[in-house]
C-alpha cells in the first residue's frame, strides 16, 4: 500500500514545484501592481488610460459619499 509508483513525484519534487508556483504567483501579482500604479500615474498626467472609466466611476461614488 505504501509503495511509490514510478509516475508519482517524490516530496522534493513536490516542494520544488510548489516553490515555483508561489514564485510565479508573486511575480504576477507584483507585475499587476506595477501596471496598476503606472496606469494611475499616467491618469494624473492626463494621458488616456485603459481603466479610466472604472476609475472615474469609483471617484464619483466616493464624491457622492461625502
Protein backbone atom coordinates (compact mmCIF):
# COMPACT_ATOMS: atom_id res chain seq x y z
CA UNK A 1 0.00 0.00 0.00
CA UNK A 2 2.80 2.42 0.92
CA UNK A 3 4.90 1.66 -2.15
CA UNK A 4 5.53 4.51 -4.59
CA UNK A 5 4.77 4.13 -8.23
CA UNK A 6 7.31 5.40 -10.75
CA UNK A 7 4.86 8.04 -12.01
CA UNK A 8 4.32 9.60 -8.57
CA UNK A 9 6.52 12.63 -7.80
CA UNK A 10 8.58 12.49 -4.63
CA UNK A 11 8.42 15.04 -1.82
CA UNK A 12 11.43 17.01 -3.03
CA UNK A 13 9.88 17.40 -6.47
CA UNK A 14 6.56 18.50 -4.96
CA UNK A 15 8.35 21.07 -2.80
CA UNK A 16 10.24 22.50 -5.77
CA UNK A 17 7.04 22.64 -7.85
CA UNK A 18 5.22 24.39 -5.02
CA UNK A 19 8.01 26.93 -4.65
CA UNK A 20 7.92 27.62 -8.38
CA UNK A 21 4.15 28.11 -8.32
CA UNK A 22 4.40 30.53 -5.41
CA UNK A 23 7.21 32.47 -7.05
CA UNK A 24 5.23 32.74 -10.30
CA UNK A 25 2.14 33.91 -8.43
CA UNK A 26 4.15 36.54 -6.55
CA UNK A 27 5.77 37.76 -9.76
CA UNK A 28 2.40 38.05 -11.48
CA UNK A 29 0.96 39.96 -8.52
CA UNK A 30 3.91 42.37 -8.49
CA UNK A 31 3.65 42.93 -12.24
CA UNK A 32 -0.07 43.60 -11.95
CA UNK A 33 0.53 46.03 -9.09
CA UNK A 34 3.18 47.87 -11.08
CA UNK A 35 0.89 48.11 -14.11
CA UNK A 36 -1.94 49.49 -11.99
CA UNK A 37 0.28 52.08 -10.31
CA UNK A 38 1.70 53.10 -13.70
CA UNK A 39 -1.84 53.48 -15.04
CA UNK A 40 -2.73 55.73 -12.10
CA UNK A 41 0.39 57.81 -12.72
CA UNK A 42 -0.49 58.17 -16.40
CA UNK A 43 -4.02 59.20 -15.48
CA UNK A 44 -2.78 62.04 -13.27
CA UNK A 45 -0.56 63.15 -16.16
CA UNK A 46 -3.68 63.47 -18.32
CA UNK A 47 -2.78 60.61 -20.65
CA UNK A 48 -5.51 58.18 -21.68
CA UNK A 49 -5.75 55.04 -19.53
CA UNK A 50 -7.49 51.73 -20.17
CA UNK A 51 -9.18 51.73 -16.75
CA UNK A 52 -10.22 55.38 -16.92
CA UNK A 53 -13.94 54.60 -16.88
CA UNK A 54 -13.67 52.35 -13.82
CA UNK A 55 -11.51 54.90 -12.02
CA UNK A 56 -13.85 57.80 -12.78
CA UNK A 57 -16.91 55.84 -11.67
CA UNK A 58 -15.25 54.95 -8.37
CA UNK A 59 -14.31 58.63 -7.93
CA UNK A 60 -17.92 59.62 -8.49
CA UNK A 61 -19.10 57.12 -5.89
CA UNK A 62 -16.66 58.43 -3.32
CA UNK A 63 -17.69 62.00 -4.10
CA UNK A 64 -21.32 61.07 -3.55
CA UNK A 65 -20.47 59.60 -0.15
CA UNK A 66 -19.13 62.97 1.00
